[in-house]
Amino acid sequence: MPARDLIEAWAALVALSSGTVLLASRGAPAGPYVALGVLVLAGFKARVILARYLGIGGSRFWMRTFDLVIGLFLALCFGLYLFGSQGLRG
């Protein structure tokens, strides 16, 4: 793998991680929009890692499969967050 691809992947991960830190470090209590934003950024980071570092970006089948699995997992995490946060309010 060319060094340029690794540097671009690293820069993308740094930018996405910085966005996660900025989003999650707000002074107010985290709401569902913040949780959704953090999970979306986590999905993008997983995609960068799978495509660039693990090298499966060239296979449409595997990228779509991992996109589906990661998307379902993150949707489940968000659903559990919503379920748990409703229990704390009521």
PDB file of N, CA and C in Angstrom:
ATOM      1  N   MET A   1       0.848  -1.173   0.000  1.00  0.00           N
ATOM      2  CA  MET A   1       0.000   0.000   0.000  1.00  0.00           C
ATOM      3  C   MET A   1       0.897   1.240   0.000  1.00  0.00           C
ATOM      4  N   PRO A   2       0.644   2.165  -0.910  1.00  0.00           N
ATOM      5  CA  PRO A   2       1.462   3.372  -0.976  1.00  0.00           C
ATOM      6  C   PRO A   2       1.345   4.208   0.303  1.00  0.00           C
ATOM      7  N   ALA A   3       2.437   4.857   0.632  1.00  0.00           N
ATOM      8  CA  ALA A   3       2.467   5.674   1.845  1.00  0.00           C
ATOM      9  C   ALA A   3       1.456   6.816   1.770  1.00  0.00           C
ATOM     10  N   ARG A   4       1.226   7.329   0.573  1.00  0.00           N
ATOM     11  CA  ARG A   4       0.273   8.438   0.423  1.00  0.00           C
ATOM     12  C   ARG A   4      -1.135   8.026   0.859  1.00  0.00           C
ATOM     13  N   ASP A   5      -1.555   6.801   0.515  1.00  0.00           N
ATOM     14  CA  ASP A   5      -2.867   6.303   0.930  1.00  0.00           C
ATOM     15  C   ASP A   5      -2.975   6.201   2.448  1.00  0.00           C
ATOM     16  N   LEU A   6      -1.895   5.729   3.077  1.00  0.00           N
ATOM     17  CA  LEU A   6      -1.894   5.625   4.533  1.00  0.00           C
ATOM     18  C   LEU A   6      -1.952   6.995   5.192  1.00  0.00           C
ATOM     19  N   ILE A   7      -1.239   7.955   4.634  1.00  0.00           N
ATOM     20  CA  ILE A   7      -1.257   9.312   5.196  1.00  0.00           C
ATOM     21  C   ILE A   7      -2.640   9.928   5.033  1.00  0.00           C
ATOM     22  N   GLU A   8      -3.276   9.721   3.887  1.00  0.00           N
ATOM     23  CA  GLU A   8      -4.633  10.242   3.684  1.00  0.00           C
ATOM     24  C   GLU A   8      -5.614   9.586   4.646  1.00  0.00           C
ATOM     25  N   ALA A   9      -5.483   8.284   4.851  1.00  0.00           N
ATOM     26  CA  ALA A   9      -6.363   7.583   5.787  1.00  0.00           C
ATOM     27  C   ALA A   9      -6.133   8.092   7.207  1.00  0.00           C
ATOM     28  N   TRP A  10      -4.877   8.271   7.574  1.00  0.00           N
ATOM     29  CA  TRP A  10      -4.546   8.787   8.900  1.00  0.00           C
ATOM     30  C   TRP A  10      -5.121  10.188   9.086  1.00  0.00           C
ATOM     31  N   ALA A  11      -4.987  11.043   8.092  1.00  0.00           N
ATOM     32  CA  ALA A  11      -5.527  12.405   8.180  1.00  0.00           C
ATOM     33  C   ALA A  11      -7.052  12.378   8.303  1.00  0.00           C
ATOM     34  N   ALA A  12      -7.697  11.488   7.568  1.00  0.00           N
ATOM     35  CA  ALA A  12      -9.152  11.368   7.678  1.00  0.00           C
ATOM     36  C   ALA A  12      -9.550  10.917   9.080  1.00  0.00           C
ATOM     37  N   LEU A  13      -8.808   9.968   9.639  1.00  0.00           N
ATOM     38  CA  LEU A  13      -9.114   9.498  10.991  1.00  0.00           C
ATOM     39  C   LEU A  13      -8.877  10.585  12.032  1.00  0.00           C
ATOM     40  N   VAL A  14      -7.834  11.373  11.860  1.00  0.00           N
ATOM     41  CA  VAL A  14      -7.578  12.482  12.787  1.00  0.00           C
ATOM     42  C   VAL A  14      -8.706  13.504  12.709  1.00  0.00           C
ATOM     43  N   ALA A  15      -9.142  13.832  11.494  1.00  0.00           N
ATOM     44  CA  ALA A  15     -10.227  14.805  11.330  1.00  0.00           C
ATOM     45  C   ALA A  15     -11.531  14.276  11.919  1.00  0.00           C
ATOM     46  N   LEU A  16     -11.859  13.025  11.661  1.00  0.00           N
ATOM     47  CA  LEU A  16     -13.086  12.447  12.205  1.00  0.00           C
ATOM     48  C   LEU A  16     -13.025  12.334  13.730  1.00  0.00           C
ATOM     49  N   SER A  17     -11.870  11.979  14.261  1.00  0.00           N
ATOM     50  CA  SER A  17     -11.714  11.902  15.712  1.00  0.00           C
ATOM     51  C   SER A  17     -11.812  13.278  16.351  1.00  0.00           C
ATOM     52  N   SER A  18     -11.257  14.272  15.699  1.00  0.00           N
ATOM     53  CA  SER A  18     -11.378  15.642  16.210  1.00  0.00           C
ATOM     54  C   SER A  18     -12.836  16.085  16.221  1.00  0.00           C
ATOM     55  N   GLY A  19     -13.566  15.741  15.181  1.00  0.00           N
ATOM     56  CA  GLY A  19     -14.986  16.053  15.143  1.00  0.00           C
ATOM     57  C   GLY A  19     -15.741  15.365  16.264  1.00  0.00           C
ATOM     58  N   THR A  20     -15.387  14.126  16.557  1.00  0.00           N
ATOM     59  CA  THR A  20     -16.025  13.395  17.647  1.00  0.00           C
ATOM     60  C   THR A  20     -15.748  14.070  18.983  1.00  0.00           C
ATOM     61  N   VAL A  21     -14.499  14.473  19.204  1.00  0.00           N
ATOM     62  CA  VAL A  21     -14.141  15.139  20.461  1.00  0.00           C
ATOM     63  C   VAL A  21     -14.892  16.453  20.597  1.00  0.00           C
ATOM     64  N   LEU A  22     -14.927  17.238  19.531  1.00  0.00           N
ATOM     65  CA  LEU A  22     -15.636  18.520  19.588  1.00  0.00           C
ATOM     66  C   LEU A  22     -17.124  18.318  19.837  1.00  0.00           C
ATOM     67  N   LEU A  23     -17.692  17.333  19.223  1.00  0.00           N
ATOM     68  CA  LEU A  23     -19.120  17.070  19.375  1.00  0.00           C
ATOM     69  C   LEU A  23     -19.440  16.555  20.777  1.00  0.00           C
ATOM     70  N   ALA A  24     -18.616  15.679  21.289  1.00  0.00           N
ATOM     71  CA  ALA A  24     -18.904  15.044  22.575  1.00  0.00           C
ATOM     72  C   ALA A  24     -18.495  15.890  23.775  1.00  0.00           C
ATOM     73  N   SER A  25     -17.685  16.911  23.586  1.00  0.00           N
ATOM     74  CA  SER A  25     -17.184  17.680  24.727  1.00  0.00           C
ATOM     75  C   SER A  25     -17.966  18.960  24.972  1.00  0.00           C
ATOM     76  N   ARG A  26     -19.176  19.018  24.486  1.00  0.00           N
ATOM     77  CA  ARG A  26     -20.013  20.181  24.735  1.00  0.00           C
ATOM     78  C   ARG A  26     -20.351  20.234  26.219  1.00  0.00           C
ATOM     79  N   GLY A  27     -20.564  21.443  26.733  1.00  0.00           N
ATOM     80  CA  GLY A  27     -20.854  21.617  28.154  1.00  0.00           C
ATOM     81  C   GLY A  27     -22.213  21.089  28.561  1.00  0.00           C
ATOM     82  N   ALA A  28     -23.191  21.169  27.672  1.00  0.00           N
ATOM     83  CA  ALA A  28     -24.536  20.719  27.998  1.00  0.00           C
ATOM     84  C   ALA A  28     -24.595  19.191  27.986  1.00  0.00           C
ATOM     85  N   PRO A  29     -25.580  18.639  28.677  1.00  0.00           N
ATOM     86  CA  PRO A  29     -25.740  17.175  28.629  1.00  0.00           C
ATOM     87  C   PRO A  29     -25.990  16.702  27.197  1.00  0.00           C
ATOM     88  N   ALA A  30     -25.444  15.569  26.903  1.00  0.00           N
ATOM     89  CA  ALA A  30     -25.564  15.033  25.544  1.00  0.00           C
ATOM     90  C   ALA A  30     -27.001  14.639  25.265  1.00  0.00           C
ATOM     91  N   GLY A  31     -27.499  15.045  24.130  1.00  0.00           N
ATOM     92  CA  GLY A  31     -28.841  14.685  23.704  1.00  0.00           C
ATOM     93  C   GLY A  31     -28.773  13.660  22.595  1.00  0.00           C
ATOM     94  N   PRO A  32     -29.919  13.295  22.059  1.00  0.00           N
ATOM     95  CA  PRO A  32     -29.927  12.274  21.008  1.00  0.00           C
ATOM     96  C   PRO A  32     -29.203  12.712  19.737  1.00  0.00           C
ATOM     97  N   TYR A  33     -29.205  14.010  19.436  1.00  0.00           N
ATOM     98  CA  TYR A  33     -28.510  14.469  18.226  1.00  0.00           C
ATOM     99  C   TYR A  33     -26.999  14.343  18.375  1.00  0.00           C
ATOM    100  N   VAL A  34     -26.501  14.589  19.566  1.00  0.00           N
ATOM    101  CA  VAL A  34     -25.065  14.431  19.810  1.00  0.00           C
ATOM    102  C   VAL A  34     -24.694  12.948  19.728  1.00  0.00           C
ATOM    103  N   ALA A  35     -25.508  12.099  20.334  1.00  0.00           N
ATOM    104  CA  ALA A  35     -25.241  10.660  20.286  1.00  0.00           C
ATOM    105  C   ALA A  35     -25.277  10.155  18.849  1.00  0.00           C
ATOM    106  N   LEU A  36     -26.251  10.617  18.082  1.00  0.00           N
ATOM    107  CA  LEU A  36     -26.330  10.214  16.681  1.00  0.00           C
ATOM    108  C   LEU A  36     -25.105  10.692  15.905  1.00  0.00           C
ATOM    109  N   GLY A  37     -24.674  11.914  16.154  1.00  0.00           N
ATOM    110  CA  GLY A  37     -23.486  12.445  15.481  1.00  0.00           C
ATOM    111  C   GLY A  37     -22.236  11.648  15.800  1.00  0.00           C
ATOM    112  N   VAL A  38     -22.076  11.291  17.073  1.00  0.00           N
ATOM    113  CA  VAL A  38     -20.908  10.493  17.473  1.00  0.00           C
ATOM    114  C   VAL A  38     -20.938   9.127  16.794  1.00  0.00           C
ATOM    115  N   LEU A  39     -22.106   8.512  16.730  1.00  0.00           N
ATOM    116  CA  LEU A  39     -22.202   7.200  16.089  1.00  0.00           C
ATOM    117  C   LEU A  39     -21.974   7.275  14.582  1.00  0.00           C
ATOM    118  N   VAL A  40     -22.453   8.326  13.944  1.00  0.00           N
ATOM    119  CA  VAL A  40     -22.209   8.493  12.503  1.00  0.00           C
ATOM    120  C   VAL A  40     -20.720   8.669  12.235  1.00  0.00           C
ATOM    121  N   LEU A  41     -20.057   9.483  13.048  1.00  0.00           N
ATOM    122  CA  LEU A  41     -18.615   9.656  12.880  1.00  0.00           C
ATOM    123  C   LEU A  41     -17.874   8.345  13.135  1.00  0.00           C
ATOM    124  N   ALA A  42     -18.338   7.548  14.088  1.00  0.00           N
ATOM    125  CA  ALA A  42     -17.726   6.239  14.339  1.00  0.00           C
ATOM    126  C   ALA A  42     -17.890   5.331  13.127  1.00  0.00           C
ATOM    127  N   GLY A  43     -19.039   5.415  12.469  1.00  0.00           N
ATOM    128  CA  GLY A  43     -19.245   4.623  11.259  1.00  0.00           C
ATOM    129  C   GLY A  43     -18.306   5.032  10.143  1.00  0.00           C
ATOM    130  N   PHE A  44     -18.106   6.340   9.983  1.00  0.00           N
ATOM    131  CA  PHE A  44     -17.162   6.813   8.968  1.00  0.00           C
ATOM    132  C   PHE A  44     -15.742   6.356   9.280  1.00  0.00           C
ATOM    133  N   LYS A  45     -15.364   6.401  10.560  1.00  0.00           N
ATOM    134  CA  LYS A  45     -14.023   5.947  10.938  1.00  0.00           C
ATOM    135  C   LYS A  45     -13.853   4.454  10.661  1.00  0.00           C
ATOM    136  N   ALA A  46     -14.875   3.672  10.963  1.00  0.00           N
ATOM    137  CA  ALA A  46     -14.807   2.228  10.686  1.00  0.00           C
ATOM    138  C   ALA A  46     -14.651   1.984   9.193  1.00  0.00           C
ATOM    139  N   ARG A  47     -15.356   2.774   8.392  1.00  0.00           N
ATOM    140  CA  ARG A  47     -15.265   2.619   6.938  1.00  0.00           C
ATOM    141  C   ARG A  47     -13.863   2.950   6.423  1.00  0.00           C
ATOM    142  N   VAL A  48     -13.261   4.003   6.959  1.00  0.00           N
ATOM    143  CA  VAL A  48     -11.894   4.365   6.553  1.00  0.00           C
ATOM    144  C   VAL A  48     -10.924   3.246   6.922  1.00  0.00           C
ATOM    145  N   ILE A  49     -11.064   2.724   8.120  1.00  0.00           N
ATOM    146  CA  ILE A  49     -10.160   1.662   8.566  1.00  0.00           C
ATOM    147  C   ILE A  49     -10.316   0.417   7.699  1.00  0.00           C
ATOM    148  N   LEU A  50     -11.554   0.029   7.437  1.00  0.00           N
ATOM    149  CA  LEU A  50     -11.779  -1.168   6.623  1.00  0.00           C
ATOM    150  C   LEU A  50     -11.283  -0.980   5.187  1.00  0.00           C
ATOM    151  N   ALA A  51     -11.579   0.168   4.609  1.00  0.00           N
ATOM    152  CA  ALA A  51     -11.246   0.387   3.199  1.00  0.00           C
ATOM    153  C   ALA A  51      -9.756   0.606   2.986  1.00  0.00           C
ATOM    154  N   ARG A  52      -9.144   1.409   3.838  1.00  0.00           N
ATOM    155  CA  ARG A  52      -7.751   1.784   3.595  1.00  0.00           C
ATOM    156  C   ARG A  52      -6.750   0.881   4.296  1.00  0.00           C
ATOM    157  N   TYR A  53      -6.905   0.720   5.607  1.00  0.00           N
ATOM    158  CA  TYR A  53      -5.909  -0.043   6.349  1.00  0.00           C
ATOM    159  C   TYR A  53      -6.024  -1.545   6.099  1.00  0.00           C
ATOM    160  N   LEU A  54      -7.242  -2.058   6.026  1.00  0.00           N
ATOM    161  CA  LEU A  54      -7.404  -3.492   5.799  1.00  0.00           C
ATOM    162  C   LEU A  54      -7.480  -3.847   4.327  1.00  0.00           C
ATOM    163  N   GLY A  55      -7.612  -2.828   3.473  1.00  0.00           N
ATOM    164  CA  GLY A  55      -7.524  -3.038   2.041  1.00  0.00           C
ATOM    165  C   GLY A  55      -8.719  -3.682   1.372  1.00  0.00           C
ATOM    166  N   ILE A  56      -9.897  -3.597   1.958  1.00  0.00           N
ATOM    167  CA  ILE A  56     -11.053  -4.210   1.304  1.00  0.00           C
ATOM    168  C   ILE A  56     -11.848  -3.193   0.488  1.00  0.00           C
ATOM    169  N   GLY A  57     -11.300  -2.003   0.317  1.00  0.00           N
ATOM    170  CA  GLY A  57     -11.982  -0.973  -0.461  1.00  0.00           C
ATOM    171  C   GLY A  57     -12.156  -1.350  -1.917  1.00  0.00           C
ATOM    172  N   GLY A  58     -11.360  -2.255  -2.418  1.00  0.00           N
ATOM    173  CA  GLY A  58     -11.453  -2.659  -3.808  1.00  0.00           C
ATOM    174  C   GLY A  58     -12.555  -3.673  -4.084  1.00  0.00           C
ATOM    175  N   SER A  59     -13.120  -4.230  -3.053  1.00  0.00           N
ATOM    176  CA  SER A  59     -14.164  -5.238  -3.217  1.00  0.00           C
ATOM    177  C   SER A  59     -15.522  -4.632  -2.862  1.00  0.00           C
ATOM    178  N   ARG A  60     -16.366  -4.462  -3.870  1.00  0.00           N
ATOM    179  CA  ARG A  60     -17.699  -3.889  -3.624  1.00  0.00           C
ATOM    180  C   ARG A  60     -18.513  -4.770  -2.683  1.00  0.00           C
ATOM    181  N   PHE A  61     -18.423  -6.075  -2.874  1.00  0.00           N
ATOM    182  CA  PHE A  61     -19.204  -6.998  -2.049  1.00  0.00           C
ATOM    183  C   PHE A  61     -18.870  -6.836  -0.573  1.00  0.00           C
ATOM    184  N   TRP A  62     -17.572  -6.878  -0.252  1.00  0.00           N
ATOM    185  CA  TRP A  62     -17.179  -6.811   1.150  1.00  0.00           C
ATOM    186  C   TRP A  62     -17.441  -5.440   1.754  1.00  0.00           C
ATOM    187  N   MET A  63     -17.253  -4.374   0.973  1.00  0.00           N
ATOM    188  CA  MET A  63     -17.546  -3.038   1.511  1.00  0.00           C
ATOM    189  C   MET A  63     -19.034  -2.885   1.794  1.00  0.00           C
ATOM    190  N   ARG A  64     -19.867  -3.354   0.893  1.00  0.00           N
ATOM    191  CA  ARG A  64     -21.314  -3.274   1.126  1.00  0.00           C
ATOM    192  C   ARG A  64     -21.728  -4.127   2.313  1.00  0.00           C
ATOM    193  N   THR A  65     -21.133  -5.316   2.424  1.00  0.00           N
ATOM    194  CA  THR A  65     -21.461  -6.197   3.545  1.00  0.00           C
ATOM    195  C   THR A  65     -21.073  -5.549   4.870  1.00  0.00           C
ATOM    196  N   PHE A  66     -19.855  -5.023   4.938  1.00  0.00           N
ATOM    197  CA  PHE A  66     -19.423  -4.376   6.172  1.00  0.00           C
ATOM    198  C   PHE A  66     -20.213  -3.096   6.438  1.00  0.00           C
ATOM    199  N   ASP A  67     -20.564  -2.355   5.394  1.00  0.00           N
ATOM    200  CA  ASP A  67     -21.407  -1.166   5.580  1.00  0.00           C
ATOM    201  C   ASP A  67     -22.741  -1.551   6.209  1.00  0.00           C
ATOM    202  N   LEU A  68     -23.328  -2.629   5.724  1.00  0.00           N
ATOM    203  CA  LEU A  68     -24.610  -3.085   6.257  1.00  0.00           C
ATOM    204  C   LEU A  68     -24.470  -3.521   7.711  1.00  0.00           C
ATOM    205  N   VAL A  69     -23.466  -4.322   8.001  1.00  0.00           N
ATOM    206  CA  VAL A  69     -23.272  -4.830   9.363  1.00  0.00           C
ATOM    207  C   VAL A  69     -22.978  -3.685  10.327  1.00  0.00           C
ATOM    208  N   ILE A  70     -22.090  -2.796   9.943  1.00  0.00           N
ATOM    209  CA  ILE A  70     -21.751  -1.672  10.812  1.00  0.00           C
ATOM    210  C   ILE A  70     -22.949  -0.739  10.974  1.00  0.00           C
ATOM    211  N   GLY A  71     -23.681  -0.495   9.895  1.00  0.00           N
ATOM    212  CA  GLY A  71     -24.869   0.347   9.979  1.00  0.00           C
ATOM    213  C   GLY A  71     -25.916  -0.229  10.914  1.00  0.00           C
ATOM    214  N   LEU A  72     -26.162  -1.538  10.813  1.00  0.00           N
ATOM    215  CA  LEU A  72     -27.116  -2.186  11.714  1.00  0.00           C
ATOM    216  C   LEU A  72     -26.646  -2.129  13.163  1.00  0.00           C
ATOM    217  N   PHE A  73     -25.362  -2.347  13.377  1.00  0.00           N
ATOM    218  CA  PHE A  73     -24.814  -2.290  14.732  1.00  0.00           C
ATOM    219  C   PHE A  73     -24.959  -0.890  15.322  1.00  0.00           C
ATOM    220  N   LEU A  74     -24.629   0.139  14.536  1.00  0.00           N
ATOM    221  CA  LEU A  74     -24.736   1.506  15.038  1.00  0.00           C
ATOM    222  C   LEU A  74     -26.190   1.908  15.254  1.00  0.00           C
ATOM    223  N   ALA A  75     -27.091   1.427  14.410  1.00  0.00           N
ATOM    224  CA  ALA A  75     -28.523   1.690  14.619  1.00  0.00           C
ATOM    225  C   ALA A  75     -29.000   1.022  15.905  1.00  0.00           C
ATOM    226  N   LEU A  76     -28.526  -0.188  16.166  1.00  0.00           N
ATOM    227  CA  LEU A  76     -28.856  -0.866  17.414  1.00  0.00           C
ATOM    228  C   LEU A  76     -28.325  -0.086  18.613  1.00  0.00           C
ATOM    229  N   CYS A  77     -27.098   0.405  18.509  1.00  0.00           N
ATOM    230  CA  CYS A  77     -26.518   1.201  19.593  1.00  0.00           C
ATOM    231  C   CYS A  77     -27.335   2.463  19.847  1.00  0.00           C
ATOM    232  N   PHE A  78     -27.760   3.123  18.781  1.00  0.00           N
ATOM    233  CA  PHE A  78     -28.565   4.332  18.937  1.00  0.00           C
ATOM    234  C   PHE A  78     -29.922   3.994  19.543  1.00  0.00           C
ATOM    235  N   GLY A  79     -30.525   2.898  19.123  1.00  0.00           N
ATOM    236  CA  GLY A  79     -31.791   2.471  19.712  1.00  0.00           C
ATOM    237  C   GLY A  79     -31.656   2.172  21.199  1.00  0.00           C
ATOM    238  N   LEU A  80     -30.575   1.518  21.583  1.00  0.00           N
ATOM    239  CA  LEU A  80     -30.333   1.244  22.996  1.00  0.00           C
ATOM    240  C   LEU A  80     -30.104   2.540  23.777  1.00  0.00           C
ATOM    241  N   TYR A  81     -29.416   3.492  23.156  1.00  0.00           N
ATOM    242  CA  TYR A  81     -29.218   4.796  23.801  1.00  0.00           C
ATOM    243  C   TYR A  81     -30.565   5.472  24.037  1.00  0.00           C
ATOM    244  N   LEU A  82     -31.414   5.479  23.008  1.00  0.00           N
ATOM    245  CA  LEU A  82     -32.726   6.115  23.152  1.00  0.00           C
ATOM    246  C   LEU A  82     -33.569   5.403  24.208  1.00  0.00           C
ATOM    247  N   PHE A  83     -33.541   4.090  24.208  1.00  0.00           N
ATOM    248  CA  PHE A  83     -34.287   3.307  25.193  1.00  0.00           C
ATOM    249  C   PHE A  83     -33.791   3.618  26.599  1.00  0.00           C
ATOM    250  N   GLY A  84     -32.481   3.663  26.763  1.00  0.00           N
ATOM    251  CA  GLY A  84     -31.913   3.936  28.080  1.00  0.00           C
ATOM    252  C   GLY A  84     -32.153   5.359  28.551  1.00  0.00           C
ATOM    253  N   SER A  85     -32.101   6.313  27.640  1.00  0.00           N
ATOM    254  CA  SER A  85     -32.280   7.706  28.047  1.00  0.00           C
ATOM    255  C   SER A  85     -33.749   7.984  28.381  1.00  0.00           C
ATOM    256  N   GLN A  86     -34.691   7.266  27.764  1.00  0.00           N
ATOM    257  CA  GLN A  86     -36.092   7.426  28.109  1.00  0.00           C
ATOM    258  C   GLN A  86     -36.364   6.884  29.509  1.00  0.00           C
ATOM    259  N   GLY A  87     -35.684   5.822  29.868  1.00  0.00           N
ATOM    260  CA  GLY A  87     -35.846   5.250  31.202  1.00  0.00           C
ATOM    261  C   GLY A  87     -35.332   6.172  32.297  1.00  0.00           C
ATOM    262  N   LEU A  88     -34.301   6.961  31.992  1.00  0.00           N
ATOM    263  CA  LEU A  88     -33.758   7.885  32.985  1.00  0.00           C
ATOM    264  C   LEU A  88     -34.669   9.078  33.212  1.00  0.00           C
ATOM    265  N   ARG A  89     -35.416   9.480  32.196  1.00  0.00           N
ATOM    266  CA  ARG A  89     -36.285  10.653  32.307  1.00  0.00           C
ATOM    267  C   ARG A  89     -37.575  10.330  33.045  1.00  0.00           C
ATOM    268  N   GLY A  90     -38.090   9.137  32.819  1.00  0.00           N
ATOM    269  CA  GLY A  90     -39.416   8.813  33.342  1.00  0.00           C
ATOM    270  C   GLY A  90     -39.329   8.185  34.674  1.00  0.00           C
TER     271      GLY A  90
END
